Amino acid sequence: MNRELTKLIQDMFDCIVIIESHLQNITTFSAYKNDTKTVDAVERRLAIIGEALWKADKITPEIAFSDKKRIISLRHILVHDYDLVDDETIWLICKRNLLILKKEVEIILNSK
């Protein structure tokens, strides 16, 4: 794996760890949506993940992530269509999909 691709994948991993840290003491959707700083921070990190994956896909289109198109699409929504962002959807992504992505990222990082 080339240096630029490794950096992008590492950025994704770092963002996932930061999101997990932000959500560590938040156990309900209600608590999440009422914590504006956390909502902003999580959305920012998800946008970075989507941007990093978009750039990685340009370098190596065959890079294997199960929800690649959806992750990149989320980034575009977060950045360009902020009025379409739904807090509950973001919460569910973090609770249902982030761990899967983390495992996929770890596999790629460990294979370099």
C-alpha atoms as a PDB file:
ATOM      1  CA  MET A   1       0.000   0.000   0.000  1.00  0.00           C
ATOM      2  CA  ASN A   2       1.455   3.366  -0.947  1.00  0.00           C
ATOM      3  CA  ARG A   3       2.167   6.072   1.594  1.00  0.00           C
ATOM      4  CA  GLU A   4      -0.755   8.351   0.664  1.00  0.00           C
ATOM      5  CA  LEU A   5      -3.258   5.498   0.812  1.00  0.00           C
ATOM      6  CA  THR A   6      -1.896   4.374   4.179  1.00  0.00           C
ATOM      7  CA  LYS A   7      -2.303   7.916   5.545  1.00  0.00           C
ATOM      8  CA  LEU A   8      -5.905   8.124   4.348  1.00  0.00           C
ATOM      9  CA  ILE A   9      -6.824   4.766   5.878  1.00  0.00           C
ATOM     10  CA  GLN A  10      -5.063   5.733   9.113  1.00  0.00           C
ATOM     11  CA  ASP A  11      -7.032   9.012   9.138  1.00  0.00           C
ATOM     12  CA  MET A  12     -10.230   6.972   8.901  1.00  0.00           C
ATOM     13  CA  PHE A  13      -9.155   4.794  11.813  1.00  0.00           C
ATOM     14  CA  ASP A  14      -8.200   7.814  13.924  1.00  0.00           C
ATOM     15  CA  CYS A  15     -11.579   9.444  13.259  1.00  0.00           C
ATOM     16  CA  ILE A  16     -13.423   6.287  14.283  1.00  0.00           C
ATOM     17  CA  VAL A  17     -11.494   6.169  17.557  1.00  0.00           C
ATOM     18  CA  ILE A  18     -12.269   9.847  18.179  1.00  0.00           C
ATOM     19  CA  ILE A  19     -15.986   9.306  17.485  1.00  0.00           C
ATOM     20  CA  GLU A  20     -15.983   6.372  19.909  1.00  0.00           C
ATOM     21  CA  SER A  21     -14.381   8.659  22.493  1.00  0.00           C
ATOM     22  CA  HIS A  22     -16.968  11.392  21.914  1.00  0.00           C
ATOM     23  CA  LEU A  23     -19.794   8.888  22.380  1.00  0.00           C
ATOM     24  CA  GLN A  24     -18.261   6.960  25.267  1.00  0.00           C
ATOM     25  CA  ASN A  25     -20.538   8.424  27.944  1.00  0.00           C
ATOM     26  CA  ILE A  26     -23.556   9.048  25.725  1.00  0.00           C
ATOM     27  CA  THR A  27     -25.867   6.052  25.881  1.00  0.00           C
ATOM     28  CA  THR A  28     -29.132   7.315  24.398  1.00  0.00           C
ATOM     29  CA  PHE A  29     -30.173   9.111  21.249  1.00  0.00           C
ATOM     30  CA  SER A  30     -31.824  11.804  23.350  1.00  0.00           C
ATOM     31  CA  ALA A  31     -28.572  12.529  25.159  1.00  0.00           C
ATOM     32  CA  TYR A  32     -26.742  12.614  21.837  1.00  0.00           C
ATOM     33  CA  LYS A  33     -29.113  14.995  20.069  1.00  0.00           C
ATOM     34  CA  ASN A  34     -29.135  17.366  23.049  1.00  0.00           C
ATOM     35  CA  ASP A  35     -25.327  17.599  23.090  1.00  0.00           C
ATOM     36  CA  THR A  36     -24.639  20.017  20.249  1.00  0.00           C
ATOM     37  CA  LYS A  37     -20.865  19.891  20.639  1.00  0.00           C
ATOM     38  CA  THR A  38     -20.859  16.114  20.307  1.00  0.00           C
ATOM     39  CA  VAL A  39     -23.226  16.200  17.330  1.00  0.00           C
ATOM     40  CA  ASP A  40     -20.950  18.703  15.592  1.00  0.00           C
ATOM     41  CA  ALA A  41     -17.806  16.746  16.444  1.00  0.00           C
ATOM     42  CA  VAL A  42     -19.226  13.413  15.284  1.00  0.00           C
ATOM     43  CA  GLU A  43     -20.517  14.883  12.021  1.00  0.00           C
ATOM     44  CA  ARG A  44     -17.126  16.483  11.355  1.00  0.00           C
ATOM     45  CA  ARG A  45     -15.311  13.189  11.902  1.00  0.00           C
ATOM     46  CA  LEU A  46     -17.787  11.307   9.698  1.00  0.00           C
ATOM     47  CA  ALA A  47     -17.186  13.875   6.961  1.00  0.00           C
ATOM     48  CA  ILE A  48     -13.422  13.326   7.268  1.00  0.00           C
ATOM     49  CA  ILE A  49     -13.942   9.563   7.038  1.00  0.00           C
ATOM     50  CA  GLY A  50     -15.997  10.019   3.871  1.00  0.00           C
ATOM     51  CA  GLU A  51     -13.452  12.382   2.339  1.00  0.00           C
ATOM     52  CA  ALA A  52     -10.552  10.049   3.159  1.00  0.00           C
ATOM     53  CA  LEU A  53     -12.413   7.102   1.671  1.00  0.00           C
ATOM     54  CA  TRP A  54     -13.318   9.104  -1.437  1.00  0.00           C
ATOM     55  CA  LYS A  55      -9.637   9.981  -1.939  1.00  0.00           C
ATOM     56  CA  ALA A  56      -8.530   6.405  -1.201  1.00  0.00           C
ATOM     57  CA  ASP A  57     -11.029   5.126  -3.755  1.00  0.00           C
ATOM     58  CA  LYS A  58      -9.474   7.417  -6.372  1.00  0.00           C
ATOM     59  CA  ILE A  59      -6.075   5.838  -5.657  1.00  0.00           C
ATOM     60  CA  THR A  60      -7.281   2.235  -5.402  1.00  0.00           C
ATOM     61  CA  PRO A  61     -10.871   1.705  -6.601  1.00  0.00           C
ATOM     62  CA  GLU A  62     -10.788  -1.962  -5.601  1.00  0.00           C
ATOM     63  CA  ILE A  63     -10.306  -1.061  -1.929  1.00  0.00           C
ATOM     64  CA  ALA A  64     -12.756  -3.201   0.013  1.00  0.00           C
ATOM     65  CA  PHE A  65     -15.249  -1.470   2.286  1.00  0.00           C
ATOM     66  CA  SER A  66     -18.745  -2.888   2.538  1.00  0.00           C
ATOM     67  CA  ASP A  67     -20.559   0.472   2.508  1.00  0.00           C
ATOM     68  CA  LYS A  68     -18.087   2.511   0.468  1.00  0.00           C
ATOM     69  CA  LYS A  69     -20.655   4.345  -1.658  1.00  0.00           C
ATOM     70  CA  ARG A  70     -22.887   5.118   1.322  1.00  0.00           C
ATOM     71  CA  ILE A  71     -19.962   6.424   3.383  1.00  0.00           C
ATOM     72  CA  ILE A  72     -18.866   8.728   0.577  1.00  0.00           C
ATOM     73  CA  SER A  73     -22.469   9.842   0.010  1.00  0.00           C
ATOM     74  CA  LEU A  74     -22.835  10.681   3.703  1.00  0.00           C
ATOM     75  CA  ARG A  75     -19.796  12.935   3.442  1.00  0.00           C
ATOM     76  CA  HIS A  76     -21.402  14.823   0.559  1.00  0.00           C
ATOM     77  CA  ILE A  77     -24.610  15.261   2.547  1.00  0.00           C
ATOM     78  CA  LEU A  78     -22.765  16.449   5.654  1.00  0.00           C
ATOM     79  CA  VAL A  79     -20.762  18.985   3.681  1.00  0.00           C
ATOM     80  CA  HIS A  80     -23.133  20.138   0.950  1.00  0.00           C
ATOM     81  CA  ASP A  81     -26.671  19.314   2.114  1.00  0.00           C
ATOM     82  CA  TYR A  82     -26.456  19.970   5.840  1.00  0.00           C
ATOM     83  CA  ASP A  83     -30.190  20.625   5.970  1.00  0.00           C
ATOM     84  CA  LEU A  84     -30.798  16.964   5.095  1.00  0.00           C
ATOM     85  CA  VAL A  85     -28.734  15.646   8.014  1.00  0.00           C
ATOM     86  CA  ASP A  86     -30.863  13.682  10.441  1.00  0.00           C
ATOM     87  CA  ASP A  87     -29.460  13.306  13.964  1.00  0.00           C
ATOM     88  CA  GLU A  88     -31.119   9.945  14.447  1.00  0.00           C
ATOM     89  CA  THR A  89     -29.585   8.575  11.257  1.00  0.00           C
ATOM     90  CA  ILE A  90     -26.132   9.741  12.356  1.00  0.00           C
ATOM     91  CA  TRP A  91     -26.680   8.155  15.779  1.00  0.00           C
ATOM     92  CA  LEU A  92     -27.708   4.860  14.204  1.00  0.00           C
ATOM     93  CA  ILE A  93     -24.729   4.896  11.853  1.00  0.00           C
ATOM     94  CA  CYS A  94     -22.430   5.321  14.830  1.00  0.00           C
ATOM     95  CA  LYS A  95     -24.132   2.581  16.830  1.00  0.00           C
ATOM     96  CA  ARG A  96     -24.655   0.045  14.011  1.00  0.00           C
ATOM     97  CA  ASN A  97     -22.008   0.633  11.371  1.00  0.00           C
ATOM     98  CA  LEU A  98     -18.953   2.261  12.891  1.00  0.00           C
ATOM     99  CA  LEU A  99     -17.594  -0.901  14.490  1.00  0.00           C
ATOM    100  CA  ILE A 100     -17.913  -2.765  11.176  1.00  0.00           C
ATOM    101  CA  LEU A 101     -15.979  -0.018   9.406  1.00  0.00           C
ATOM    102  CA  LYS A 102     -13.362  -0.021  12.156  1.00  0.00           C
ATOM    103  CA  LYS A 103     -12.767  -3.745  11.684  1.00  0.00           C
ATOM    104  CA  GLU A 104     -12.467  -3.329   7.908  1.00  0.00           C
ATOM    105  CA  VAL A 105     -10.006  -0.462   8.362  1.00  0.00           C
ATOM    106  CA  GLU A 106      -7.949  -2.497  10.824  1.00  0.00           C
ATOM    107  CA  ILE A 107      -7.748  -5.391   8.373  1.00  0.00           C
ATOM    108  CA  ILE A 108      -6.432  -3.097   5.656  1.00  0.00           C
ATOM    109  CA  LEU A 109      -3.948  -1.375   7.985  1.00  0.00           C
ATOM    110  CA  ASN A 110      -2.697  -4.718   9.290  1.00  0.00           C
ATOM    111  CA  SER A 111      -2.189  -6.058   5.778  1.00  0.00           C
ATOM    112  CA  LYS A 112       0.266  -3.350   4.708  1.00  0.00           C
END
